[in-house]
Amino acid sequence: MKERFADPVTVPDVVGLPFHVGRDVAWEAGVSLANPDPDGPPIGALAWPGLFYITSQRPAAGTIVYRWDSVAVEVVAHGDAESNA
């Protein structure tokens, strides 16, 4: 990683969490959730209104990044997720 003034933090595992909970977990860890499409709308606009769950994240949990770096997440509306049951 390039030298930066921000301190390193560990990416938390937010997969499977409701978006509003994952956002709070990410904030407490010192990272920001983002839309994986840099040209798309902010992730908060995609996950509102309603109940959305985080289905994937990049980088993976446990990765060391700089404070307030972005973690790209995919979300799906409650009831739209595929079930493996």
Protein backbone atom coordinates (compact mmCIF):
# COMPACT_ATOMS: atom_id res chain seq x y z
CA MET A 1 0.00 0.00 0.00
CA LYS A 2 1.12 3.55 -0.65
CA GLU A 3 2.13 5.67 2.32
CA ARG A 4 -0.86 7.68 3.56
CA PHE A 5 -1.59 9.74 6.63
CA ALA A 6 -4.75 7.77 7.46
CA ASP A 7 -4.32 4.92 9.92
CA PRO A 8 -4.91 1.30 8.84
CA VAL A 9 -8.17 -0.41 9.84
CA THR A 10 -9.59 -3.90 9.35
CA VAL A 11 -12.57 -4.40 7.04
CA PRO A 12 -15.47 -5.92 9.01
CA ASP A 13 -17.72 -8.74 7.74
CA VAL A 14 -21.01 -7.11 6.72
CA VAL A 15 -22.35 -9.83 4.40
CA GLY A 16 -25.76 -11.06 5.49
CA LEU A 17 -26.53 -7.98 7.56
CA PRO A 18 -29.38 -5.57 6.88
CA PHE A 19 -27.89 -2.56 5.11
CA HIS A 20 -28.64 -0.13 7.95
CA VAL A 21 -26.85 -2.44 10.42
CA GLY A 22 -23.91 -3.08 8.07
CA ARG A 23 -23.51 0.65 7.53
CA ASP A 24 -23.22 1.17 11.30
CA VAL A 25 -20.76 -1.75 11.68
CA ALA A 26 -18.65 -0.33 8.84
CA TRP A 27 -18.71 3.15 10.39
CA GLU A 28 -17.57 1.80 13.77
CA ALA A 29 -14.71 -0.04 12.01
CA GLY A 30 -13.68 3.14 10.16
CA VAL A 31 -14.71 2.27 6.60
CA SER A 32 -17.48 3.48 4.32
CA LEU A 33 -19.90 1.32 2.32
CA ALA A 34 -20.13 2.13 -1.38
CA ASN A 35 -21.85 1.13 -4.60
CA PRO A 36 -19.58 -1.23 -6.59
CA ASP A 37 -20.46 0.82 -9.70
CA PRO A 38 -18.47 4.06 -9.38
CA ASP A 39 -20.74 5.69 -11.99
CA GLY A 40 -23.92 4.64 -10.21
CA PRO A 41 -25.86 6.31 -7.43
CA PRO A 42 -24.64 6.25 -3.83
CA ILE A 43 -25.26 2.93 -2.07
CA GLY A 44 -27.60 4.65 0.39
CA ALA A 45 -29.87 5.63 -2.50
CA LEU A 46 -30.01 2.01 -3.69
CA ALA A 47 -30.86 0.69 -0.23
CA TRP A 48 -33.66 3.09 0.64
CA PRO A 49 -36.54 3.03 1.34
CA GLY A 50 -37.15 -0.46 2.60
CA LEU A 51 -35.21 -3.34 4.08
CA PHE A 52 -32.13 -4.41 2.10
CA TYR A 53 -29.55 -7.07 2.91
CA ILE A 54 -25.86 -7.03 1.99
CA THR A 55 -25.06 -10.04 -0.22
CA SER A 56 -21.38 -9.44 -1.02
CA GLN A 57 -18.51 -7.13 -0.21
CA ARG A 58 -15.17 -6.16 -1.69
CA PRO A 59 -12.56 -6.14 -0.21
CA ALA A 60 -13.17 -9.19 1.94
CA ALA A 61 -13.55 -9.10 5.70
CA GLY A 62 -10.20 -9.03 7.47
CA THR A 63 -8.47 -6.98 4.76
CA ILE A 64 -6.39 -4.05 6.02
CA VAL A 65 -7.30 -0.72 4.37
CA TYR A 66 -6.90 2.93 5.28
CA ARG A 67 -9.48 4.64 7.51
CA TRP A 68 -12.55 5.75 5.53
CA ASP A 69 -11.63 3.76 2.44
CA SER A 70 -14.66 2.34 0.64
CA VAL A 71 -15.99 -1.20 0.86
CA ALA A 72 -18.11 -1.99 -2.20
CA VAL A 73 -21.27 -3.91 -1.31
CA GLU A 74 -24.10 -5.50 -3.28
CA VAL A 75 -27.57 -5.31 -1.74
CA VAL A 76 -30.86 -7.07 -2.35
CA ALA A 77 -34.32 -6.10 -1.16
CA HIS A 78 -35.82 -8.22 1.62
CA GLY A 79 -37.78 -11.04 0.02
CA ASP A 80 -35.81 -10.93 -3.24
CA ALA A 81 -32.82 -12.98 -2.06
CA GLU A 82 -32.31 -16.47 -3.46
CA SER A 83 -32.71 -19.22 -0.90
CA ASN A 84 -30.56 -22.33 -0.75
CA ALA A 85 -33.03 -24.02 1.62
